[in-house]
Amino acid sequence: MRKNLNTILAGLIVTLFATCTSGCSIYYVKESSLRIEDPFSTNHVAVVRLVMSKEDQTEFLQNAVAEKYVKADFWYDGELVPDVAVRSKGNASLWETLKMGSIRVGLKVDFNLFNRARSFHGVKKVNLNNGWVDPTLIRECLAYELFEQMGIPTPRASFVDLWLNDIHLGVYTMVEQIDLAFLTRHFPKA
């Protein structure tokens, strides 16, 4: 666990340093040349880009409370998953984030809403959590890792550096959705 924690912290520090030195409003983050088979690897902070039309972006940002899906392309370290569904998510975290005037809301990405046969590395949905009440941004991943080590069925999670078109949202936690795929993996005989 100590090795994974050190890897996570090192990745966050590199990402935060790169973010601070490149500027938050500039559409530039060096894409990783590393191809990862497991998008929930804790050895790497992936760059995730959600690219949508300007109209959808405006609608999405102005009406985040509606939690309405819009179409976007999902880029994970240069790997494209086209035409995914993206919406804001949350309750208190969503309202409080918007009340503070921030657009850094939690997001839900549905890979197969528009194409039932599609998944992303076997996952149909992921949640991009903004770490609303966690200034360290590591509590969620640490808790999931502890649960896993205790033998508790746990969703996979990793850190991502998130962009919405040309807006840099920063470090988020990408968490697999607890759904039928999750249940089948953890309880195959149920």
N, C-alpha and C. Protein backbone atom coordinates (compact mmCIF):
# COMPACT_ATOMS: atom_id res chain seq x y z
N MET A 1 0.82 -1.19 0.00
CA MET A 1 0.00 0.00 0.00
C MET A 1 0.87 1.25 0.00
N ARG A 2 1.94 1.24 0.75
CA ARG A 2 2.83 2.39 0.84
C ARG A 2 3.39 2.73 -0.55
N LYS A 3 3.74 1.69 -1.34
CA LYS A 3 4.29 1.91 -2.68
C LYS A 3 3.23 2.57 -3.58
N ASN A 4 1.98 2.06 -3.53
CA ASN A 4 0.91 2.65 -4.33
C ASN A 4 0.64 4.09 -3.91
N LEU A 5 0.63 4.36 -2.61
CA LEU A 5 0.40 5.72 -2.12
C LEU A 5 1.49 6.65 -2.61
N ASN A 6 2.74 6.21 -2.54
CA ASN A 6 3.84 7.04 -3.03
C ASN A 6 3.71 7.31 -4.53
N THR A 7 3.30 6.28 -5.29
CA THR A 7 3.11 6.44 -6.73
C THR A 7 2.00 7.43 -7.02
N ILE A 8 0.89 7.32 -6.29
CA ILE A 8 -0.24 8.23 -6.46
C ILE A 8 0.19 9.66 -6.15
N LEU A 9 0.85 9.84 -5.01
CA LEU A 9 1.27 11.18 -4.62
C LEU A 9 2.26 11.78 -5.62
N ALA A 10 3.18 10.97 -6.10
CA ALA A 10 4.15 11.45 -7.08
C ALA A 10 3.44 11.88 -8.36
N GLY A 11 2.47 11.08 -8.82
CA GLY A 11 1.71 11.43 -10.01
C GLY A 11 0.93 12.71 -9.83
N LEU A 12 0.32 12.88 -8.66
CA LEU A 12 -0.43 14.11 -8.40
C LEU A 12 0.48 15.33 -8.37
N ILE A 13 1.62 15.19 -7.74
CA ILE A 13 2.55 16.32 -7.67
C ILE A 13 3.02 16.71 -9.06
N VAL A 14 3.35 15.73 -9.90
CA VAL A 14 3.78 16.03 -11.27
C VAL A 14 2.66 16.72 -12.04
N THR A 15 1.43 16.20 -11.91
CA THR A 15 0.29 16.78 -12.62
C THR A 15 0.01 18.19 -12.13
N LEU A 16 0.00 18.39 -10.82
CA LEU A 16 -0.27 19.72 -10.28
C LEU A 16 0.82 20.70 -10.66
N PHE A 17 2.09 20.26 -10.65
CA PHE A 17 3.18 21.12 -11.06
C PHE A 17 3.05 21.51 -12.52
N ALA A 18 2.75 20.52 -13.37
CA ALA A 18 2.58 20.79 -14.80
C ALA A 18 1.41 21.74 -15.03
N THR A 19 0.34 21.56 -14.26
CA THR A 19 -0.83 22.42 -14.38
C THR A 19 -0.47 23.85 -14.00
N CYS A 20 0.21 24.01 -12.90
CA CYS A 20 0.54 25.36 -12.43
C CYS A 20 1.53 26.07 -13.34
N THR A 21 2.45 25.34 -13.94
CA THR A 21 3.43 25.99 -14.79
C THR A 21 2.93 26.24 -16.19
N SER A 22 1.91 25.47 -16.65
CA SER A 22 1.41 25.68 -18.01
C SER A 22 0.22 26.61 -18.05
N GLY A 23 -0.40 26.89 -16.91
CA GLY A 23 -1.56 27.77 -16.88
C GLY A 23 -2.84 27.00 -17.04
N CYS A 24 -3.84 27.36 -16.25
CA CYS A 24 -5.08 26.58 -16.24
C CYS A 24 -5.98 26.87 -17.41
N SER A 25 -5.84 27.97 -18.10
CA SER A 25 -6.77 28.27 -19.18
C SER A 25 -6.19 27.96 -20.55
N ILE A 26 -5.02 27.42 -20.62
CA ILE A 26 -4.39 27.12 -21.90
C ILE A 26 -4.68 25.67 -22.26
N TYR A 27 -5.04 25.43 -23.52
CA TYR A 27 -5.39 24.08 -23.98
C TYR A 27 -4.12 23.33 -24.33
N TYR A 28 -3.24 23.16 -23.36
CA TYR A 28 -2.02 22.41 -23.60
C TYR A 28 -1.66 21.61 -22.37
N VAL A 29 -1.64 20.33 -22.53
CA VAL A 29 -1.06 19.41 -21.56
C VAL A 29 -0.42 18.33 -22.40
N LYS A 30 0.81 18.06 -22.15
CA LYS A 30 1.50 17.06 -22.95
C LYS A 30 0.79 15.72 -22.82
N GLU A 31 0.40 15.16 -23.96
CA GLU A 31 -0.25 13.85 -23.96
C GLU A 31 0.79 12.79 -23.62
N SER A 32 0.38 11.83 -22.86
CA SER A 32 1.27 10.76 -22.46
C SER A 32 1.52 9.82 -23.63
N SER A 33 2.74 9.41 -23.78
CA SER A 33 3.04 8.42 -24.81
C SER A 33 2.86 7.01 -24.27
N LEU A 34 2.57 6.91 -22.98
CA LEU A 34 2.39 5.63 -22.33
C LEU A 34 0.97 5.13 -22.58
N ARG A 35 0.82 3.93 -23.14
CA ARG A 35 -0.48 3.33 -23.36
C ARG A 35 -0.76 2.37 -22.22
N ILE A 36 -1.84 2.56 -21.57
CA ILE A 36 -2.17 1.76 -20.40
C ILE A 36 -3.35 0.87 -20.73
N GLU A 37 -3.20 -0.42 -20.45
CA GLU A 37 -4.29 -1.36 -20.68
C GLU A 37 -5.38 -1.20 -19.63
N ASP A 38 -5.02 -0.84 -18.41
CA ASP A 38 -5.98 -0.68 -17.34
C ASP A 38 -6.17 0.81 -17.05
N PRO A 39 -7.35 1.35 -17.39
CA PRO A 39 -7.55 2.78 -17.15
C PRO A 39 -7.64 3.12 -15.67
N PHE A 40 -7.67 2.11 -14.81
CA PHE A 40 -7.72 2.36 -13.37
C PHE A 40 -6.38 2.10 -12.70
N SER A 41 -5.32 2.19 -13.46
CA SER A 41 -3.97 2.02 -12.92
C SER A 41 -3.66 3.20 -12.00
N THR A 42 -3.06 2.90 -10.88
CA THR A 42 -2.67 3.97 -9.95
C THR A 42 -1.22 4.41 -10.17
N ASN A 43 -0.60 3.92 -11.23
CA ASN A 43 0.79 4.27 -11.53
C ASN A 43 0.91 5.45 -12.47
N HIS A 44 -0.21 6.06 -12.82
CA HIS A 44 -0.18 7.06 -13.88
C HIS A 44 -1.39 7.98 -13.73
N VAL A 45 -1.20 9.27 -13.91
CA VAL A 45 -2.32 10.21 -13.95
C VAL A 45 -2.59 10.49 -15.43
N ALA A 46 -3.69 9.93 -15.91
CA ALA A 46 -4.04 10.04 -17.33
C ALA A 46 -4.65 11.41 -17.64
N VAL A 47 -4.48 11.83 -18.88
CA VAL A 47 -5.14 13.05 -19.35
C VAL A 47 -6.44 12.62 -20.02
N VAL A 48 -7.55 13.14 -19.52
CA VAL A 48 -8.87 12.88 -20.09
C VAL A 48 -9.40 14.18 -20.66
N ARG A 49 -9.83 14.11 -21.91
CA ARG A 49 -10.42 15.27 -22.58
C ARG A 49 -11.84 14.92 -23.00
N LEU A 50 -12.77 15.75 -22.61
CA LEU A 50 -14.15 15.65 -23.08
C LEU A 50 -14.33 16.75 -24.10
N VAL A 51 -14.55 16.36 -25.35
CA VAL A 51 -14.66 17.34 -26.43
C VAL A 51 -16.09 17.29 -26.95
N MET A 52 -16.76 18.45 -26.87
CA MET A 52 -18.15 18.55 -27.31
C MET A 52 -18.32 19.83 -28.11
N SER A 53 -19.44 19.94 -28.79
CA SER A 53 -19.71 21.15 -29.57
C SER A 53 -19.82 22.34 -28.62
N LYS A 54 -19.57 23.52 -29.14
CA LYS A 54 -19.67 24.73 -28.32
C LYS A 54 -21.09 24.91 -27.79
N GLU A 55 -22.08 24.56 -28.61
CA GLU A 55 -23.47 24.68 -28.17
C GLU A 55 -23.75 23.75 -26.99
N ASP A 56 -23.29 22.50 -27.10
CA ASP A 56 -23.49 21.55 -26.01
C ASP A 56 -22.72 21.98 -24.76
N GLN A 57 -21.52 22.53 -24.94
CA GLN A 57 -20.75 22.99 -23.80
C GLN A 57 -21.48 24.13 -23.09
N THR A 58 -22.01 25.07 -23.85
CA THR A 58 -22.75 26.18 -23.26
C THR A 58 -23.97 25.68 -22.51
N GLU A 59 -24.74 24.79 -23.14
CA GLU A 59 -25.92 24.20 -22.51
C GLU A 59 -25.54 23.46 -21.24
N PHE A 60 -24.49 22.67 -21.33
CA PHE A 60 -24.02 21.87 -20.21
C PHE A 60 -23.62 22.75 -19.02
N LEU A 61 -22.85 23.80 -19.29
CA LEU A 61 -22.36 24.67 -18.22
C LEU A 61 -23.46 25.55 -17.64
N GLN A 62 -24.38 26.00 -18.46
CA GLN A 62 -25.45 26.88 -17.98
C GLN A 62 -26.55 26.13 -17.25
N ASN A 63 -26.71 24.84 -17.55
CA ASN A 63 -27.80 24.06 -16.97
C ASN A 63 -27.29 22.80 -16.29
N ALA A 64 -26.19 22.91 -15.56
CA ALA A 64 -25.59 21.74 -14.92
C ALA A 64 -26.54 21.08 -13.92
N VAL A 65 -27.40 21.86 -13.29
CA VAL A 65 -28.33 21.32 -12.30
C VAL A 65 -29.31 20.33 -12.93
N ALA A 66 -29.60 20.50 -14.21
CA ALA A 66 -30.56 19.63 -14.89
C ALA A 66 -30.04 18.20 -15.04
N GLU A 67 -28.73 17.99 -14.93
CA GLU A 67 -28.10 16.68 -15.08
C GLU A 67 -28.56 16.00 -16.37
N LYS A 68 -28.56 16.76 -17.45
CA LYS A 68 -28.97 16.27 -18.77
C LYS A 68 -27.74 15.83 -19.55
N TYR A 69 -27.85 14.66 -20.20
CA TYR A 69 -26.74 14.15 -21.00
C TYR A 69 -26.55 14.98 -22.26
N VAL A 70 -25.27 15.21 -22.61
CA VAL A 70 -24.89 15.80 -23.89
C VAL A 70 -23.88 14.87 -24.53
N LYS A 71 -23.77 14.97 -25.83
CA LYS A 71 -22.85 14.11 -26.58
C LYS A 71 -21.45 14.72 -26.59
N ALA A 72 -20.45 13.87 -26.41
CA ALA A 72 -19.06 14.32 -26.42
C ALA A 72 -18.17 13.19 -26.89
N ASP A 73 -16.95 13.54 -27.24
CA ASP A 73 -15.91 12.55 -27.50
C ASP A 73 -15.06 12.45 -26.24
N PHE A 74 -14.73 11.24 -25.85
CA PHE A 74 -13.94 10.96 -24.65
C PHE A 74 -12.55 10.54 -25.09
N TRP A 75 -11.55 11.32 -24.73
CA TRP A 75 -10.16 10.99 -25.05
C TRP A 75 -9.46 10.62 -23.75
N TYR A 76 -8.87 9.44 -23.72
CA TYR A 76 -8.13 8.96 -22.57
C TYR A 76 -6.69 8.75 -23.00
N ASP A 77 -5.80 9.65 -22.62
CA ASP A 77 -4.39 9.57 -23.03
C ASP A 77 -4.25 9.31 -24.53
N GLY A 78 -5.04 10.00 -25.33
CA GLY A 78 -4.95 9.89 -26.77
C GLY A 78 -5.82 8.80 -27.37
N GLU A 79 -6.44 7.96 -26.57
CA GLU A 79 -7.35 6.92 -27.05
C GLU A 79 -8.76 7.52 -27.13
N LEU A 80 -9.36 7.46 -28.30
CA LEU A 80 -10.68 8.06 -28.53
C LEU A 80 -11.81 7.06 -28.35
N VAL A 81 -12.81 7.48 -27.58
CA VAL A 81 -14.10 6.79 -27.53
C VAL A 81 -15.11 7.85 -28.00
N PRO A 82 -15.60 7.74 -29.24
CA PRO A 82 -16.48 8.79 -29.78
C PRO A 82 -17.91 8.68 -29.27
N ASP A 83 -18.59 9.80 -29.31
CA ASP A 83 -20.03 9.86 -29.04
C ASP A 83 -20.45 9.21 -27.73
N VAL A 84 -19.88 9.69 -26.64
CA VAL A 84 -20.30 9.23 -25.32
C VAL A 84 -21.30 10.24 -24.76
N ALA A 85 -21.99 9.86 -23.71
CA ALA A 85 -22.93 10.76 -23.05
C ALA A 85 -22.30 11.26 -21.76
N VAL A 86 -22.37 12.58 -21.54
CA VAL A 86 -21.77 13.21 -20.36
C VAL A 86 -22.83 14.07 -19.69
N ARG A 87 -22.87 13.98 -18.36
CA ARG A 87 -23.76 14.86 -17.60
C ARG A 87 -23.11 15.21 -16.28
N SER A 88 -23.60 16.27 -15.67
CA SER A 88 -23.14 16.61 -14.32
C SER A 88 -23.75 15.60 -13.36
N LYS A 89 -23.17 15.49 -12.18
CA LYS A 89 -23.69 14.57 -11.17
C LYS A 89 -23.46 15.17 -9.80
N GLY A 90 -24.23 14.68 -8.88
CA GLY A 90 -24.06 15.13 -7.50
C GLY A 90 -25.35 15.69 -6.95
N ASN A 91 -25.33 15.96 -5.69
CA ASN A 91 -26.45 16.59 -5.03
C ASN A 91 -25.90 17.80 -4.31
N ALA A 92 -25.49 17.63 -3.06
CA ALA A 92 -24.90 18.75 -2.32
C ALA A 92 -23.64 19.24 -3.01
N SER A 93 -22.82 18.31 -3.52
CA SER A 93 -21.58 18.72 -4.17
C SER A 93 -21.86 19.54 -5.42
N LEU A 94 -22.87 19.17 -6.17
CA LEU A 94 -23.23 19.91 -7.39
C LEU A 94 -23.74 21.29 -7.04
N TRP A 95 -24.70 21.36 -6.11
CA TRP A 95 -25.27 22.66 -5.74
C TRP A 95 -24.22 23.59 -5.13
N GLU A 96 -23.40 23.07 -4.24
CA GLU A 96 -22.39 23.90 -3.58
C GLU A 96 -21.32 24.38 -4.58
N THR A 97 -20.92 23.49 -5.48
CA THR A 97 -19.93 23.87 -6.49
C THR A 97 -20.46 25.01 -7.35
N LEU A 98 -21.70 24.87 -7.79
CA LEU A 98 -22.30 25.92 -8.63
C LEU A 98 -22.54 27.19 -7.84
N LYS A 99 -22.94 27.05 -6.58
CA LYS A 99 -23.17 28.23 -5.73
C LYS A 99 -21.88 29.04 -5.54
N MET A 100 -20.75 28.34 -5.54
CA MET A 100 -19.45 29.02 -5.40
C MET A 100 -19.00 29.65 -6.71
N GLY A 101 -19.77 29.41 -7.78
CA GLY A 101 -19.41 29.98 -9.08
C GLY A 101 -18.41 29.15 -9.86
N SER A 102 -18.20 27.92 -9.45
CA SER A 102 -17.24 27.05 -10.11
C SER A 102 -17.93 26.17 -11.15
N ILE A 103 -17.20 25.82 -12.19
CA ILE A 103 -17.72 24.87 -13.17
C ILE A 103 -17.09 23.49 -12.96
N ARG A 104 -16.34 23.34 -11.91
CA ARG A 104 -15.64 22.08 -11.61
C ARG A 104 -16.59 21.09 -10.93
N VAL A 105 -17.63 20.69 -11.65
CA VAL A 105 -18.65 19.79 -11.12
C VAL A 105 -18.25 18.34 -11.34
N GLY A 106 -18.85 17.44 -10.56
CA GLY A 106 -18.68 16.02 -10.80
C GLY A 106 -19.40 15.64 -12.08
N LEU A 107 -18.88 14.61 -12.76
CA LEU A 107 -19.44 14.21 -14.05
C LEU A 107 -19.67 12.71 -14.10
N LYS A 108 -20.65 12.32 -14.90
CA LYS A 108 -20.90 10.92 -15.19
C LYS A 108 -20.73 10.76 -16.69
N VAL A 109 -19.95 9.76 -17.10
CA VAL A 109 -19.73 9.47 -18.52
C VAL A 109 -20.32 8.10 -18.80
N ASP A 110 -21.26 8.06 -19.74
CA ASP A 110 -21.92 6.82 -20.15
C ASP A 110 -21.41 6.47 -21.54
N PHE A 111 -20.65 5.38 -21.64
CA PHE A 111 -20.03 5.01 -22.91
C PHE A 111 -20.99 4.33 -23.87
N ASN A 112 -22.08 3.77 -23.36
CA ASN A 112 -22.94 3.02 -24.26
C ASN A 112 -24.37 3.55 -24.35
N LEU A 113 -24.63 4.75 -23.92
CA LEU A 113 -25.98 5.30 -24.03
C LEU A 113 -26.39 5.46 -25.50
N PHE A 114 -25.47 5.90 -26.34
CA PHE A 114 -25.76 6.10 -27.76
C PHE A 114 -25.38 4.89 -28.60
N ASN A 115 -24.64 3.95 -28.02
CA ASN A 115 -24.22 2.74 -28.73
C ASN A 115 -24.14 1.62 -27.70
N ARG A 116 -25.17 0.81 -27.61
CA ARG A 116 -25.29 -0.22 -26.57
C ARG A 116 -24.17 -1.27 -26.60
N ALA A 117 -23.49 -1.40 -27.72
CA ALA A 117 -22.43 -2.41 -27.83
C ALA A 117 -21.08 -1.90 -27.33
N ARG A 118 -20.99 -0.64 -26.99
CA ARG A 118 -19.68 -0.07 -26.68
C ARG A 118 -19.43 -0.03 -25.16
N SER A 119 -18.15 -0.19 -24.83
CA SER A 119 -17.69 0.01 -23.46
C SER A 119 -16.29 0.61 -23.54
N PHE A 120 -15.77 1.00 -22.42
CA PHE A 120 -14.41 1.52 -22.33
C PHE A 120 -13.64 0.58 -21.43
N HIS A 121 -12.81 -0.27 -22.05
CA HIS A 121 -12.05 -1.29 -21.31
C HIS A 121 -12.98 -2.11 -20.42
N GLY A 122 -14.15 -2.47 -20.95
CA GLY A 122 -15.10 -3.30 -20.23
C GLY A 122 -16.02 -2.56 -19.29
N VAL A 123 -15.89 -1.27 -19.21
CA VAL A 123 -16.71 -0.46 -18.30
C VAL A 123 -17.72 0.34 -19.13
N LYS A 124 -18.98 0.35 -18.69
CA LYS A 124 -20.01 1.08 -19.42
C LYS A 124 -20.18 2.52 -18.93
N LYS A 125 -19.86 2.78 -17.66
CA LYS A 125 -19.97 4.13 -17.10
C LYS A 125 -18.83 4.38 -16.14
N VAL A 126 -18.39 5.62 -16.09
CA VAL A 126 -17.45 6.05 -15.05
C VAL A 126 -17.96 7.36 -14.46
N ASN A 127 -17.57 7.58 -13.24
CA ASN A 127 -17.86 8.84 -12.56
C ASN A 127 -16.55 9.60 -12.43
N LEU A 128 -16.60 10.87 -12.75
CA LEU A 128 -15.45 11.74 -12.58
C LEU A 128 -15.76 12.65 -11.40
N ASN A 129 -15.15 12.31 -10.27
CA ASN A 129 -15.45 13.00 -9.01
C ASN A 129 -14.48 14.15 -8.79
N ASN A 130 -15.04 15.29 -8.37
CA ASN A 130 -14.26 16.52 -8.26
C ASN A 130 -13.57 16.70 -6.91
N GLY A 131 -13.74 15.79 -5.97
CA GLY A 131 -13.09 15.94 -4.67
C GLY A 131 -13.63 17.14 -3.92
N TRP A 132 -14.94 17.33 -3.97
CA TRP A 132 -15.61 18.52 -3.48
C TRP A 132 -15.19 18.93 -2.07
N VAL A 133 -15.16 18.02 -1.11
CA VAL A 133 -14.78 18.39 0.25
C VAL A 133 -13.43 17.79 0.64
N ASP A 134 -12.62 17.45 -0.34
CA ASP A 134 -11.32 16.84 -0.08
C ASP A 134 -10.22 17.68 -0.72
N PRO A 135 -9.63 18.60 0.02
CA PRO A 135 -8.58 19.43 -0.56
C PRO A 135 -7.34 18.64 -0.99
N THR A 136 -7.16 17.44 -0.44
CA THR A 136 -6.00 16.62 -0.81
C THR A 136 -6.24 15.86 -2.10
N LEU A 137 -7.50 15.63 -2.46
CA LEU A 137 -7.93 14.86 -3.63
C LEU A 137 -7.52 13.39 -3.58
N ILE A 138 -7.07 12.88 -2.43
CA ILE A 138 -6.64 11.48 -2.38
C ILE A 138 -7.47 10.60 -1.46
N ARG A 139 -8.37 11.17 -0.68
CA ARG A 139 -9.12 10.37 0.30
C ARG A 139 -9.91 9.25 -0.37
N GLU A 140 -10.57 9.55 -1.47
CA GLU A 140 -11.42 8.57 -2.13
C GLU A 140 -10.60 7.36 -2.61
N CYS A 141 -9.52 7.63 -3.33
CA CYS A 141 -8.68 6.52 -3.83
C CYS A 141 -8.07 5.72 -2.68
N LEU A 142 -7.64 6.40 -1.63
CA LEU A 142 -7.08 5.68 -0.49
C LEU A 142 -8.12 4.80 0.17
N ALA A 143 -9.34 5.31 0.33
CA ALA A 143 -10.40 4.52 0.95
C ALA A 143 -10.71 3.29 0.10
N TYR A 144 -10.81 3.46 -1.21
CA TYR A 144 -11.08 2.31 -2.07
C TYR A 144 -9.97 1.28 -2.00
N GLU A 145 -8.73 1.75 -1.94
CA GLU A 145 -7.61 0.82 -1.84
C GLU A 145 -7.65 0.05 -0.52
N LEU A 146 -7.98 0.74 0.57
CA LEU A 146 -8.10 0.05 1.86
C LEU A 146 -9.24 -0.97 1.85
N PHE A 147 -10.38 -0.60 1.29
CA PHE A 147 -11.50 -1.54 1.21
C PHE A 147 -11.10 -2.79 0.41
N GLU A 148 -10.41 -2.55 -0.70
CA GLU A 148 -9.98 -3.68 -1.54
C GLU A 148 -9.05 -4.61 -0.77
N GLN A 149 -8.12 -4.03 -0.03
CA GLN A 149 -7.19 -4.85 0.75
C GLN A 149 -7.88 -5.60 1.87
N MET A 150 -9.04 -5.12 2.31
CA MET A 150 -9.82 -5.82 3.34
C MET A 150 -10.74 -6.86 2.73
N GLY A 151 -10.73 -7.00 1.39
CA GLY A 151 -11.55 -8.00 0.73
C GLY A 151 -12.97 -7.55 0.44
N ILE A 152 -13.23 -6.26 0.55
CA ILE A 152 -14.56 -5.72 0.28
C ILE A 152 -14.67 -5.40 -1.21
N PRO A 153 -15.72 -5.86 -1.88
CA PRO A 153 -15.89 -5.50 -3.30
C PRO A 153 -15.88 -3.97 -3.46
N THR A 154 -14.96 -3.50 -4.28
CA THR A 154 -14.70 -2.07 -4.36
C THR A 154 -14.60 -1.64 -5.81
N PRO A 155 -15.20 -0.50 -6.14
CA PRO A 155 -15.02 0.01 -7.51
C PRO A 155 -13.56 0.43 -7.73
N ARG A 156 -13.10 0.25 -8.94
CA ARG A 156 -11.75 0.67 -9.28
C ARG A 156 -11.73 2.19 -9.44
N ALA A 157 -10.60 2.79 -9.11
CA ALA A 157 -10.49 4.24 -9.17
C ALA A 157 -9.06 4.63 -9.54
N SER A 158 -8.94 5.78 -10.19
CA SER A 158 -7.62 6.33 -10.53
C SER A 158 -7.76 7.84 -10.67
N PHE A 159 -6.63 8.50 -10.76
CA PHE A 159 -6.63 9.94 -10.95
C PHE A 159 -6.54 10.28 -12.42
N VAL A 160 -7.22 11.34 -12.82
CA VAL A 160 -7.13 11.84 -14.19
C VAL A 160 -7.00 13.36 -14.15
N ASP A 161 -6.35 13.88 -15.15
CA ASP A 161 -6.23 15.33 -15.34
C ASP A 161 -7.27 15.68 -16.40
N LEU A 162 -8.34 16.36 -16.01
CA LEU A 162 -9.52 16.52 -16.84
C LEU A 162 -9.61 17.86 -17.56
N TRP A 163 -9.97 17.77 -18.84
CA TRP A 163 -10.22 18.94 -19.69
C TRP A 163 -11.62 18.84 -20.27
N LEU A 164 -12.33 19.95 -20.32
CA LEU A 164 -13.60 20.06 -21.01
C LEU A 164 -13.38 21.06 -22.14
N ASN A 165 -13.28 20.54 -23.37
CA ASN A 165 -12.84 21.35 -24.52
C ASN A 165 -11.54 22.05 -24.15
N ASP A 166 -11.51 23.38 -24.13
CA ASP A 166 -10.26 24.08 -23.82
C ASP A 166 -10.21 24.55 -22.36
N ILE A 167 -11.09 24.04 -21.52
CA ILE A 167 -11.12 24.42 -20.11
C ILE A 167 -10.46 23.33 -19.28
N HIS A 168 -9.42 23.70 -18.57
CA HIS A 168 -8.72 22.73 -17.72
C HIS A 168 -9.43 22.68 -16.37
N LEU A 169 -10.04 21.54 -16.06
CA LEU A 169 -10.76 21.38 -14.79
C LEU A 169 -9.86 20.88 -13.67
N GLY A 170 -8.72 20.28 -14.01
CA GLY A 170 -7.78 19.83 -13.00
C GLY A 170 -7.90 18.34 -12.69
N VAL A 171 -7.38 17.96 -11.54
CA VAL A 171 -7.33 16.56 -11.13
C VAL A 171 -8.68 16.12 -10.60
N TYR A 172 -9.16 15.02 -11.13
CA TYR A 172 -10.41 14.37 -10.71
C TYR A 172 -10.10 12.92 -10.38
N THR A 173 -11.02 12.26 -9.69
CA THR A 173 -10.93 10.83 -9.46
C THR A 173 -11.90 10.15 -10.41
N MET A 174 -11.39 9.24 -11.24
CA MET A 174 -12.25 8.47 -12.13
C MET A 174 -12.59 7.16 -11.42
N VAL A 175 -13.89 6.92 -11.23
CA VAL A 175 -14.35 5.76 -10.48
C VAL A 175 -15.32 4.97 -11.35
N GLU A 176 -15.12 3.65 -11.38
CA GLU A 176 -16.04 2.81 -12.15
C GLU A 176 -17.42 2.83 -11.51
N GLN A 177 -18.43 2.78 -12.34
CA GLN A 177 -19.82 2.74 -11.89
C GLN A 177 -20.13 1.38 -11.26
N ILE A 178 -20.85 1.38 -10.16
CA ILE A 178 -21.32 0.12 -9.59
C ILE A 178 -22.59 -0.25 -10.35
N ASP A 179 -22.44 -1.23 -11.25
CA ASP A 179 -23.54 -1.64 -12.13
C ASP A 179 -23.45 -3.15 -12.33
N LEU A 180 -24.14 -3.65 -13.32
CA LEU A 180 -24.17 -5.10 -13.58
C LEU A 180 -22.77 -5.64 -13.87
N ALA A 181 -21.96 -4.91 -14.63
CA ALA A 181 -20.60 -5.36 -14.93
C ALA A 181 -19.78 -5.49 -13.65
N PHE A 182 -19.90 -4.51 -12.76
CA PHE A 182 -19.21 -4.55 -11.46
C PHE A 182 -19.68 -5.75 -10.65
N LEU A 183 -21.00 -5.92 -10.56
CA LEU A 183 -21.56 -7.02 -9.77
C LEU A 183 -21.15 -8.38 -10.33
N THR A 184 -21.14 -8.52 -11.65
CA THR A 184 -20.74 -9.78 -12.28
C THR A 184 -19.28 -10.10 -12.00
N ARG A 185 -18.44 -9.07 -12.02
CA ARG A 185 -17.01 -9.29 -11.75
C ARG A 185 -16.78 -9.71 -10.30
N HIS A 186 -17.52 -9.13 -9.37
CA HIS A 186 -17.29 -9.41 -7.94
C HIS A 186 -18.14 -10.56 -7.42
N PHE A 187 -19.29 -10.82 -8.04
CA PHE A 187 -20.19 -11.88 -7.57
C PHE A 187 -20.61 -12.73 -8.76
N PRO A 188 -19.69 -13.48 -9.35
CA PRO A 188 -19.99 -14.21 -10.59
C PRO A 188 -21.05 -15.29 -10.44
N LYS A 189 -21.26 -15.83 -9.26
CA LYS A 189 -22.22 -16.92 -9.09
C LYS A 189 -23.56 -16.44 -8.56
N ALA A 190 -23.72 -15.17 -8.37
CA ALA A 190 -24.98 -14.64 -7.79
C ALA A 190 -26.06 -14.52 -8.83
